[in-house]
Amino acid sequence: FERHKIDLLPIIFLRNDVYELLVVESPDRQKEAKVLLDWTDPDLLR
């Protein structure tokens, strides 16, 4: 897409436990940006 000057931001959603397994087994674990979607605040659920 970038060759055609089109911005594209791929996002992959992974279950947290699956992601942890991926990180443990990946040599370049810091290469990808991550955003955690875990919920820890009851007020957000409210």
All heavy atoms as atom14 arrays in JSON, in Angstrom:
{
  "sequence": "FERHKIDLLPIIFLRNDVYELLVVESPDRQKEAKVLLDWTDPDLLR",
  "atom14_mask": [
    [1, 1, 1, 1, 1, 1, 1, 1, 1, 1, 1, 0, 0, 0],
    [1, 1, 1, 1, 1, 1, 1, 1, 1, 0, 0, 0, 0, 0],
    [1, 1, 1, 1, 1, 1, 1, 1, 1, 1, 1, 0, 0, 0],
    [1, 1, 1, 1, 1, 1, 1, 1, 1, 1, 0, 0, 0, 0],
    [1, 1, 1, 1, 1, 1, 1, 1, 1, 0, 0, 0, 0, 0],
    [1, 1, 1, 1, 1, 1, 1, 1, 0, 0, 0, 0, 0, 0],
    [1, 1, 1, 1, 1, 1, 1, 1, 0, 0, 0, 0, 0, 0],
    [1, 1, 1, 1, 1, 1, 1, 1, 0, 0, 0, 0, 0, 0],
    [1, 1, 1, 1, 1, 1, 1, 1, 0, 0, 0, 0, 0, 0],
    [1, 1, 1, 1, 1, 1, 1, 0, 0, 0, 0, 0, 0, 0],
    [1, 1, 1, 1, 1, 1, 1, 1, 0, 0, 0, 0, 0, 0],
    [1, 1, 1, 1, 1, 1, 1, 1, 0, 0, 0, 0, 0, 0],
    [1, 1, 1, 1, 1, 1, 1, 1, 1, 1, 1, 0, 0, 0],
    [1, 1, 1, 1, 1, 1, 1, 1, 0, 0, 0, 0, 0, 0],
    [1, 1, 1, 1, 1, 1, 1, 1, 1, 1, 1, 0, 0, 0],
    [1, 1, 1, 1, 1, 1, 1, 1, 0, 0, 0, 0, 0, 0],
    [1, 1, 1, 1, 1, 1, 1, 1, 0, 0, 0, 0, 0, 0],
    [1, 1, 1, 1, 1, 1, 1, 0, 0, 0, 0, 0, 0, 0],
    [1, 1, 1, 1, 1, 1, 1, 1, 1, 1, 1, 1, 0, 0],
    [1, 1, 1, 1, 1, 1, 1, 1, 1, 0, 0, 0, 0, 0],
    [1, 1, 1, 1, 1, 1, 1, 1, 0, 0, 0, 0, 0, 0],
    [1, 1, 1, 1, 1, 1, 1, 1, 0, 0, 0, 0, 0, 0],
    [1, 1, 1, 1, 1, 1, 1, 0, 0, 0, 0, 0, 0, 0],
    [1, 1, 1, 1, 1, 1, 1, 0, 0, 0, 0, 0, 0, 0],
    [1, 1, 1, 1, 1, 1, 1, 1, 1, 0, 0, 0, 0, 0],
    [1, 1, 1, 1, 1, 1, 0, 0, 0, 0, 0, 0, 0, 0],
    [1, 1, 1, 1, 1, 1, 1, 0, 0, 0, 0, 0, 0, 0],
    [1, 1, 1, 1, 1, 1, 1, 1, 0, 0, 0, 0, 0, 0],
    [1, 1, 1, 1, 1, 1, 1, 1, 1, 1, 1, 0, 0, 0],
    [1, 1, 1, 1, 1, 1, 1, 1, 1, 0, 0, 0, 0, 0],
    [1, 1, 1, 1, 1, 1, 1, 1, 1, 0, 0, 0, 0, 0],
    [1, 1, 1, 1, 1, 1, 1, 1, 1, 0, 0, 0, 0, 0],
    [1, 1, 1, 1, 1, 0, 0, 0, 0, 0, 0, 0, 0, 0],
    [1, 1, 1, 1, 1, 1, 1, 1, 1, 0, 0, 0, 0, 0],
    [1, 1, 1, 1, 1, 1, 1, 0, 0, 0, 0, 0, 0, 0],
    [1, 1, 1, 1, 1, 1, 1, 1, 0, 0, 0, 0, 0, 0],
    [1, 1, 1, 1, 1, 1, 1, 1, 0, 0, 0, 0, 0, 0],
    [1, 1, 1, 1, 1, 1, 1, 1, 0, 0, 0, 0, 0, 0],
    [1, 1, 1, 1, 1, 1, 1, 1, 1, 1, 1, 1, 1, 1],
    [1, 1, 1, 1, 1, 1, 1, 0, 0, 0, 0, 0, 0, 0],
    [1, 1, 1, 1, 1, 1, 1, 1, 0, 0, 0, 0, 0, 0],
    [1, 1, 1, 1, 1, 1, 1, 0, 0, 0, 0, 0, 0, 0],
    [1, 1, 1, 1, 1, 1, 1, 1, 0, 0, 0, 0, 0, 0],
    [1, 1, 1, 1, 1, 1, 1, 1, 0, 0, 0, 0, 0, 0],
    [1, 1, 1, 1, 1, 1, 1, 1, 0, 0, 0, 0, 0, 0],
    [1, 1, 1, 1, 1, 1, 1, 1, 1, 1, 1, 0, 0, 0]
  ],
  "atom14_positions": [
    [[0.83, -1.21, 0.0], [0.0, 0.0, 0.0], [0.86, 1.25, 0.0], [0.53, 2.26, -0.65], [-0.93, 0.0, 1.22], [-2.24, -0.7, 0.98], [-2.31, -2.09, 1.0], [-3.4, 0.02, 0.74], [-3.51, -2.74, 0.78], [-4.6, -0.63, 0.52], [-4.66, -2.02, 0.54], [0.0, 0.0, 0.0], [0.0, 0.0, 0.0], [0.0, 0.0, 0.0]],
    [[1.98, 1.21, 0.74], [2.86, 2.38, 0.82], [3.46, 2.71, -0.54], [3.72, 3.89, -0.84], [3.97, 2.13, 1.85], [3.47, 2.2, 3.29], [4.55, 1.81, 4.28], [5.62, 1.31, 3.83], [4.34, 2.0, 5.49], [0.0, 0.0, 0.0], [0.0, 0.0, 0.0], [0.0, 0.0, 0.0], [0.0, 0.0, 0.0], [0.0, 0.0, 0.0]],
    [[3.7, 1.7, -1.38], [4.23, 1.97, -2.72], [3.24, 2.8, -3.53], [3.64, 3.53, -4.44], [4.5, 0.64, -3.44], [5.64, -0.18, -2.83], [6.05, -1.31, -3.74], [6.96, -2.22, -3.09], [6.63, -3.39, -2.56], [5.36, -3.8, -2.65], [7.52, -4.16, -1.97], [0.0, 0.0, 0.0], [0.0, 0.0, 0.0], [0.0, 0.0, 0.0]],
    [[1.97, 2.68, -3.21], [0.94, 3.47, -3.9], [0.56, 4.72, -3.09], [-0.49, 5.33, -3.34], [-0.3, 2.6, -4.14], [-0.06, 1.45, -5.06], [-0.03, 1.57, -6.43], [0.21, 0.14, -4.8], [0.21, 0.39, -6.98], [0.36, -0.5, -6.01], [0.0, 0.0, 0.0], [0.0, 0.0, 0.0], [0.0, 0.0, 0.0], [0.0, 0.0, 0.0]],
    [[1.41, 5.03, -2.09], [1.21, 6.22, -1.25], [-0.14, 6.19, -0.53], [-0.83, 7.2, -0.41], [1.34, 7.49, -2.09], [2.73, 7.67, -2.71], [2.84, 8.97, -3.47], [4.24, 9.11, -4.08], [4.39, 10.38, -4.84], [0.0, 0.0, 0.0], [0.0, 0.0, 0.0], [0.0, 0.0, 0.0], [0.0, 0.0, 0.0], [0.0, 0.0, 0.0]],
    [[-0.5, 5.01, -0.07], [-1.72, 4.84, 0.73], [-1.31, 4.39, 2.13], [-0.63, 3.38, 2.29], [-2.66, 3.79, 0.09], [-3.08, 4.22, -1.31], [-3.89, 3.57, 0.99], [-3.91, 3.18, -2.04], [0.0, 0.0, 0.0], [0.0, 0.0, 0.0], [0.0, 0.0, 0.0], [0.0, 0.0, 0.0], [0.0, 0.0, 0.0], [0.0, 0.0, 0.0]],
    [[-1.71, 5.18, 3.12], [-1.39, 4.83, 4.5], [-2.25, 3.66, 4.97], [-3.48, 3.68, 4.78], [-1.61, 6.03, 5.42], [-0.6, 7.15, 5.14], [0.52, 6.82, 4.7], [-0.95, 8.32, 5.37], [0.0, 0.0, 0.0], [0.0, 0.0, 0.0], [0.0, 0.0, 0.0], [0.0, 0.0, 0.0], [0.0, 0.0, 0.0], [0.0, 0.0, 0.0]],
    [[-1.62, 2.68, 5.56], [-2.35, 1.52, 6.09], [-1.75, 1.15, 7.43], [-0.54, 1.04, 7.57], [-2.25, 0.34, 5.12], [-2.91, -0.96, 5.6], [-4.42, -0.82, 5.6], [-2.49, -2.14, 4.73], [0.0, 0.0, 0.0], [0.0, 0.0, 0.0], [0.0, 0.0, 0.0], [0.0, 0.0, 0.0], [0.0, 0.0, 0.0], [0.0, 0.0, 0.0]],
    [[-2.63, 0.97, 8.41], [-2.18, 0.58, 9.74], [-2.82, -0.76, 10.12], [-3.97, -0.8, 10.55], [-2.58, 1.64, 10.78], [-2.17, 1.35, 12.23], [-0.65, 1.25, 12.36], [-2.72, 2.41, 13.17], [0.0, 0.0, 0.0], [0.0, 0.0, 0.0], [0.0, 0.0, 0.0], [0.0, 0.0, 0.0], [0.0, 0.0, 0.0], [0.0, 0.0, 0.0]],
    [[-2.11, -1.86, 9.91], [-2.67, -3.17, 10.26], [-2.76, -3.34, 11.79], [-1.85, -2.95, 12.51], [-1.68, -4.17, 9.66], [-0.79, -3.37, 8.77], [-0.78, -1.99, 9.33], [0.0, 0.0, 0.0], [0.0, 0.0, 0.0], [0.0, 0.0, 0.0], [0.0, 0.0, 0.0], [0.0, 0.0, 0.0], [0.0, 0.0, 0.0], [0.0, 0.0, 0.0]],
    [[-3.85, -3.9, 12.24], [-4.03, -4.19, 13.66], [-4.44, -5.64, 13.82], [-5.36, -6.1, 13.15], [-5.11, -3.28, 14.29], [-4.72, -1.81, 14.16], [-5.31, -3.63, 15.78], [-5.79, -0.86, 14.65], [0.0, 0.0, 0.0], [0.0, 0.0, 0.0], [0.0, 0.0, 0.0], [0.0, 0.0, 0.0], [0.0, 0.0, 0.0], [0.0, 0.0, 0.0]],
    [[-3.74, -6.36, 14.68], [-4.05, -7.76, 14.94], [-4.5, -7.87, 16.4], [-3.76, -7.47, 17.31], [-2.83, -8.67, 14.7], [-2.39, -8.57, 13.24], [-3.15, -10.11, 15.08], [-1.11, -9.33, 12.95], [0.0, 0.0, 0.0], [0.0, 0.0, 0.0], [0.0, 0.0, 0.0], [0.0, 0.0, 0.0], [0.0, 0.0, 0.0], [0.0, 0.0, 0.0]],
    [[-5.69, -8.39, 16.62], [-6.2, -8.59, 17.97], [-5.88, -10.02, 18.42], [-6.25, -10.98, 17.76], [-7.71, -8.36, 18.02], [-8.11, -6.93, 17.85], [-8.36, -6.41, 16.59], [-8.24, -6.09, 18.95], [-8.73, -5.09, 16.42], [-8.61, -4.76, 18.8], [-8.86, -4.25, 17.53], [0.0, 0.0, 0.0], [0.0, 0.0, 0.0], [0.0, 0.0, 0.0]],
    [[-5.18, -10.12, 19.57], [-4.83, -11.42, 20.12], [-5.31, -11.5, 21.57], [-5.27, -10.51, 22.29], [-3.32, -11.64, 20.1], [-2.63, -11.76, 18.74], [-1.13, -11.87, 18.94], [-3.15, -12.96, 17.99], [0.0, 0.0, 0.0], [0.0, 0.0, 0.0], [0.0, 0.0, 0.0], [0.0, 0.0, 0.0], [0.0, 0.0, 0.0], [0.0, 0.0, 0.0]],
    [[-5.76, -12.69, 21.95], [-6.08, -12.9, 23.35], [-4.79, -12.75, 24.14], [-3.71, -13.14, 23.7], [-6.67, -14.3, 23.52], [-7.76, -14.38, 24.56], [-8.45, -15.71, 24.5], [-7.54, -16.81, 24.81], [-7.81, -18.09, 24.56], [-8.94, -18.41, 23.98], [-6.95, -19.02, 24.88], [0.0, 0.0, 0.0], [0.0, 0.0, 0.0], [0.0, 0.0, 0.0]],
    [[-4.89, -12.19, 25.35], [-3.7, -11.84, 26.11], [-2.8, -13.03, 26.38], [-1.57, -12.93, 26.26], [-4.12, -11.2, 27.44], [-3.04, -10.3, 28.0], [-1.87, -10.62, 27.93], [-3.43, -9.18, 28.56], [0.0, 0.0, 0.0], [0.0, 0.0, 0.0], [0.0, 0.0, 0.0], [0.0, 0.0, 0.0], [0.0, 0.0, 0.0], [0.0, 0.0, 0.0]],
    [[-3.37, -14.18, 26.73], [-2.54, -15.34, 27.03], [-1.82, -15.84, 25.78], [-0.68, -16.3, 25.85], [-3.38, -16.46, 27.65], [-4.56, -16.84, 26.76], [-5.24, -15.94, 26.27], [-4.79, -18.05, 26.57], [0.0, 0.0, 0.0], [0.0, 0.0, 0.0], [0.0, 0.0, 0.0], [0.0, 0.0, 0.0], [0.0, 0.0, 0.0], [0.0, 0.0, 0.0]],
    [[-2.48, -15.73, 24.62], [-1.85, -16.12, 23.36], [-0.69, -15.17, 23.04], [0.39, -15.6, 22.61], [-2.87, -16.14, 22.21], [-2.2, -16.47, 20.88], [-3.99, -17.13, 22.5], [0.0, 0.0, 0.0], [0.0, 0.0, 0.0], [0.0, 0.0, 0.0], [0.0, 0.0, 0.0], [0.0, 0.0, 0.0], [0.0, 0.0, 0.0], [0.0, 0.0, 0.0]],
    [[-0.92, -13.89, 23.29], [0.14, -12.91, 23.05], [1.36, -13.18, 23.94], [2.5, -13.08, 23.48], [-0.38, -11.5, 23.31], [0.68, -10.44, 23.23], [1.15, -9.99, 21.99], [1.26, -9.9, 24.38], [2.15, -9.04, 21.9], [2.25, -8.95, 24.3], [2.7, -8.52, 23.07], [3.69, -7.58, 22.99], [0.0, 0.0, 0.0], [0.0, 0.0, 0.0]],
    [[1.11, -13.52, 25.2], [2.22, -13.79, 26.12], [3.05, -14.97, 25.61], [4.28, -14.95, 25.67], [1.69, -14.09, 27.53], [1.05, -12.9, 28.22], [2.05, -11.81, 28.53], [3.24, -12.12, 28.69], [1.65, -10.63, 28.59], [0.0, 0.0, 0.0], [0.0, 0.0, 0.0], [0.0, 0.0, 0.0], [0.0, 0.0, 0.0], [0.0, 0.0, 0.0]],
    [[2.39, -16.0, 25.1], [3.12, -17.14, 24.54], [3.93, -16.73, 23.33], [5.07, -17.18, 23.13], [2.14, -18.25, 24.15], [1.48, -19.02, 25.29], [0.43, -19.98, 24.76], [2.52, -19.79, 26.1], [0.0, 0.0, 0.0], [0.0, 0.0, 0.0], [0.0, 0.0, 0.0], [0.0, 0.0, 0.0], [0.0, 0.0, 0.0], [0.0, 0.0, 0.0]],
    [[3.36, -15.86, 22.5], [4.06, -15.37, 21.32], [5.32, -14.6, 21.71], [6.39, -14.78, 21.12], [3.13, -14.48, 20.49], [3.75, -13.83, 19.23], [4.05, -14.89, 18.18], [2.8, -12.78, 18.68], [0.0, 0.0, 0.0], [0.0, 0.0, 0.0], [0.0, 0.0, 0.0], [0.0, 0.0, 0.0], [0.0, 0.0, 0.0], [0.0, 0.0, 0.0]],
    [[5.19, -13.75, 22.74], [6.32, -12.94, 23.18], [7.44, -13.82, 23.72], [8.62, -13.61, 23.42], [5.86, -11.92, 24.26], [7.07, -11.26, 24.92], [4.98, -10.86, 23.63], [0.0, 0.0, 0.0], [0.0, 0.0, 0.0], [0.0, 0.0, 0.0], [0.0, 0.0, 0.0], [0.0, 0.0, 0.0], [0.0, 0.0, 0.0], [0.0, 0.0, 0.0]],
    [[7.05, -14.81, 24.52], [8.06, -15.7, 25.12], [8.87, -16.42, 24.04], [10.08, -16.62, 24.17], [7.37, -16.72, 26.05], [8.35, -17.82, 26.46], [6.82, -16.03, 27.28], [0.0, 0.0, 0.0], [0.0, 0.0, 0.0], [0.0, 0.0, 0.0], [0.0, 0.0, 0.0], [0.0, 0.0, 0.0], [0.0, 0.0, 0.0], [0.0, 0.0, 0.0]],
    [[8.22, -16.78, 22.94], [8.88, -17.57, 21.9], [9.43, -16.73, 20.75], [9.89, -17.29, 19.76], [7.88, -18.6, 21.33], [7.35, -19.59, 22.37], [8.44, -20.48, 22.93], [9.44, -20.71, 22.22], [8.29, -20.93, 24.08], [0.0, 0.0, 0.0], [0.0, 0.0, 0.0], [0.0, 0.0, 0.0], [0.0, 0.0, 0.0], [0.0, 0.0, 0.0]],
    [[9.38, -15.4, 20.87], [9.83, -14.53, 19.78], [11.16, -13.87, 20.11], [11.29, -13.23, 21.17], [8.79, -13.44, 19.48], [7.58, -14.01, 19.03], [0.0, 0.0, 0.0], [0.0, 0.0, 0.0], [0.0, 0.0, 0.0], [0.0, 0.0, 0.0], [0.0, 0.0, 0.0], [0.0, 0.0, 0.0], [0.0, 0.0, 0.0], [0.0, 0.0, 0.0]],
    [[12.15, -13.99, 19.24], [13.45, -13.35, 19.5], [13.39, -11.83, 19.33], [14.14, -11.11, 19.97], [14.37, -13.98, 18.44], [13.44, -14.41, 17.35], [12.16, -14.8, 18.02], [0.0, 0.0, 0.0], [0.0, 0.0, 0.0], [0.0, 0.0, 0.0], [0.0, 0.0, 0.0], [0.0, 0.0, 0.0], [0.0, 0.0, 0.0], [0.0, 0.0, 0.0]],
    [[12.5, -11.33, 18.46], [12.4, -9.89, 18.22], [11.12, -9.34, 18.84], [10.3, -8.72, 18.19], [12.44, -9.57, 16.72], [11.38, -10.35, 15.95], [10.8, -11.28, 16.54], [11.13, -10.0, 14.78], [0.0, 0.0, 0.0], [0.0, 0.0, 0.0], [0.0, 0.0, 0.0], [0.0, 0.0, 0.0], [0.0, 0.0, 0.0], [0.0, 0.0, 0.0]],
    [[10.95, -9.6, 20.14], [9.68, -9.32, 20.8], [9.35, -7.84, 20.91], [8.2, -7.49, 21.14], [9.68, -9.95, 22.2], [10.8, -9.48, 23.11], [10.75, -10.22, 24.44], [10.93, -11.64, 24.28], [12.1, -12.25, 24.35], [13.2, -11.54, 24.56], [12.21, -13.54, 24.18], [0.0, 0.0, 0.0], [0.0, 0.0, 0.0], [0.0, 0.0, 0.0]],
    [[10.31, -6.96, 20.76], [10.05, -5.53, 20.87], [9.79, -4.86, 19.53], [9.63, -3.65, 19.45], [11.24, -4.84, 21.56], [11.55, -5.35, 22.97], [10.41, -5.15, 23.93], [9.64, -4.2, 23.81], [10.28, -6.05, 24.89], [0.0, 0.0, 0.0], [0.0, 0.0, 0.0], [0.0, 0.0, 0.0], [0.0, 0.0, 0.0], [0.0, 0.0, 0.0]],
    [[9.74, -5.65, 18.48], [9.63, -5.07, 17.14], [8.25, -4.51, 16.85], [8.1, -3.53, 16.13], [10.0, -6.14, 16.09], [10.2, -5.59, 14.7], [10.78, -6.65, 13.79], [11.06, -6.1, 12.39], [11.64, -7.13, 11.51], [0.0, 0.0, 0.0], [0.0, 0.0, 0.0], [0.0, 0.0, 0.0], [0.0, 0.0, 0.0], [0.0, 0.0, 0.0]],
    [[7.21, -5.14, 17.41], [5.85, -4.71, 17.13], [5.32, -3.85, 18.27], [5.57, -4.12, 19.44], [4.93, -5.93, 16.95], [5.36, -6.88, 15.86], [5.27, -6.26, 14.48], [4.54, -5.27, 14.31], [5.96, -6.77, 13.57], [0.0, 0.0, 0.0], [0.0, 0.0, 0.0], [0.0, 0.0, 0.0], [0.0, 0.0, 0.0], [0.0, 0.0, 0.0]],
    [[4.58, -2.81, 17.93], [3.93, -1.98, 18.94], [2.71, -2.72, 19.48], [2.05, -3.45, 18.76], [3.51, -0.65, 18.33], [0.0, 0.0, 0.0], [0.0, 0.0, 0.0], [0.0, 0.0, 0.0], [0.0, 0.0, 0.0], [0.0, 0.0, 0.0], [0.0, 0.0, 0.0], [0.0, 0.0, 0.0], [0.0, 0.0, 0.0], [0.0, 0.0, 0.0]],
    [[2.43, -2.54, 20.77], [1.29, -3.23, 21.36], [0.46, -2.25, 22.19], [0.97, -1.26, 22.72], [1.74, -4.39, 22.25], [2.45, -3.95, 23.52], [2.72, -5.14, 24.43], [3.4, -4.67, 25.73], [3.63, -5.77, 26.67], [0.0, 0.0, 0.0], [0.0, 0.0, 0.0], [0.0, 0.0, 0.0], [0.0, 0.0, 0.0], [0.0, 0.0, 0.0]],
    [[-0.81, -2.53, 22.27], [-1.74, -1.78, 23.12], [-2.56, -2.79, 23.89], [-3.18, -3.68, 23.3], [-2.67, -0.87, 22.29], [-3.67, -0.18, 23.2], [-1.88, 0.15, 21.5], [0.0, 0.0, 0.0], [0.0, 0.0, 0.0], [0.0, 0.0, 0.0], [0.0, 0.0, 0.0], [0.0, 0.0, 0.0], [0.0, 0.0, 0.0], [0.0, 0.0, 0.0]],
    [[-2.55, -2.7, 25.22], [-3.3, -3.64, 26.04], [-4.75, -3.19, 26.16], [-5.04, -2.02, 26.41], [-2.67, -3.73, 27.44], [-1.27, -4.32, 27.51], [-0.76, -4.31, 28.94], [-1.25, -5.74, 26.98], [0.0, 0.0, 0.0], [0.0, 0.0, 0.0], [0.0, 0.0, 0.0], [0.0, 0.0, 0.0], [0.0, 0.0, 0.0], [0.0, 0.0, 0.0]],
    [[-5.66, -4.14, 25.98], [-7.08, -3.85, 26.09], [-7.68, -4.49, 27.34], [-8.89, -4.69, 27.43], [-7.82, -4.36, 24.85], [-7.37, -3.76, 23.51], [-8.16, -4.37, 22.38], [-7.52, -2.24, 23.52], [0.0, 0.0, 0.0], [0.0, 0.0, 0.0], [0.0, 0.0, 0.0], [0.0, 0.0, 0.0], [0.0, 0.0, 0.0], [0.0, 0.0, 0.0]],
    [[-6.82, -4.79, 28.32], [-7.31, -5.4, 29.55], [-8.1, -4.38, 30.36], [-7.83, -3.18, 30.35], [-6.13, -5.9, 30.4], [-5.4, -7.05, 29.74], [-6.09, -7.88, 29.11], [-4.17, -7.1, 29.84], [0.0, 0.0, 0.0], [0.0, 0.0, 0.0], [0.0, 0.0, 0.0], [0.0, 0.0, 0.0], [0.0, 0.0, 0.0], [0.0, 0.0, 0.0]],
    [[-9.07, -4.89, 31.11], [-9.92, -4.05, 31.94], [-9.57, -4.28, 33.4], [-9.62, -5.4, 33.89], [-11.39, -4.38, 31.69], [-11.82, -4.1, 30.28], [-11.56, -4.85, 29.18], [-12.56, -2.97, 29.82], [-12.1, -4.27, 28.07], [-12.73, -3.11, 28.42], [-13.12, -1.86, 30.46], [-13.42, -2.19, 27.66], [-13.81, -0.94, 29.7], [-13.96, -1.09, 28.31]],
    [[-9.22, -3.2, 34.09], [-8.85, -3.31, 35.51], [-9.66, -2.36, 36.38], [-9.6, -2.47, 37.6], [-7.35, -2.99, 35.7], [-7.08, -1.66, 35.22], [-6.48, -3.99, 34.94], [0.0, 0.0, 0.0], [0.0, 0.0, 0.0], [0.0, 0.0, 0.0], [0.0, 0.0, 0.0], [0.0, 0.0, 0.0], [0.0, 0.0, 0.0], [0.0, 0.0, 0.0]],
    [[-10.39, -1.43, 35.78], [-11.11, -0.42, 36.53], [-12.62, -0.67, 36.47], [-13.22, -0.57, 35.4], [-10.79, 0.97, 35.96], [-11.36, 2.1, 36.81], [-12.1, 1.8, 37.76], [-11.05, 3.27, 36.52], [0.0, 0.0, 0.0], [0.0, 0.0, 0.0], [0.0, 0.0, 0.0], [0.0, 0.0, 0.0], [0.0, 0.0, 0.0], [0.0, 0.0, 0.0]],
    [[-13.26, -0.99, 37.6], [-14.72, -1.22, 37.61], [-15.51, -0.01, 37.11], [-16.6, -0.18, 36.55], [-15.03, -1.5, 39.08], [-13.74, -1.97, 39.66], [-12.66, -1.22, 38.92], [0.0, 0.0, 0.0], [0.0, 0.0, 0.0], [0.0, 0.0, 0.0], [0.0, 0.0, 0.0], [0.0, 0.0, 0.0], [0.0, 0.0, 0.0], [0.0, 0.0, 0.0]],
    [[-14.97, 1.2, 37.3], [-15.69, 2.4, 36.85], [-15.84, 2.42, 35.33], [-16.83, 2.95, 34.8], [-14.97, 3.66, 37.32], [-15.11, 3.88, 38.82], [-16.09, 3.34, 39.39], [-14.27, 4.57, 39.41], [0.0, 0.0, 0.0], [0.0, 0.0, 0.0], [0.0, 0.0, 0.0], [0.0, 0.0, 0.0], [0.0, 0.0, 0.0], [0.0, 0.0, 0.0]],
    [[-14.87, 1.85, 34.62], [-14.99, 1.78, 33.16], [-16.11, 0.82, 32.75], [-16.82, 1.07, 31.77], [-13.66, 1.34, 32.55], [-12.5, 2.34, 32.64], [-11.23, 1.75, 32.04], [-12.85, 3.65, 31.94], [0.0, 0.0, 0.0], [0.0, 0.0, 0.0], [0.0, 0.0, 0.0], [0.0, 0.0, 0.0], [0.0, 0.0, 0.0], [0.0, 0.0, 0.0]],
    [[-16.26, -0.26, 33.5], [-17.35, -1.18, 33.22], [-18.7, -0.54, 33.53], [-19.68, -0.76, 32.83], [-17.17, -2.46, 34.04], [-15.94, -3.31, 33.69], [-15.87, -4.53, 34.61], [-15.99, -3.76, 32.25], [0.0, 0.0, 0.0], [0.0, 0.0, 0.0], [0.0, 0.0, 0.0], [0.0, 0.0, 0.0], [0.0, 0.0, 0.0], [0.0, 0.0, 0.0]],
    [[-18.73, 0.28, 34.57], [-19.94, 1.03, 34.86], [-20.3, 1.94, 33.68], [-21.47, 2.06, 33.31], [-19.74, 1.9, 36.1], [-19.76, 1.17, 37.42], [-19.46, 2.13, 38.56], [-19.45, 1.45, 39.83], [-20.51, 1.28, 40.61], [-21.67, 1.78, 40.22], [-20.44, 0.64, 41.76], [0.0, 0.0, 0.0], [0.0, 0.0, 0.0], [0.0, 0.0, 0.0]]
  ]
}
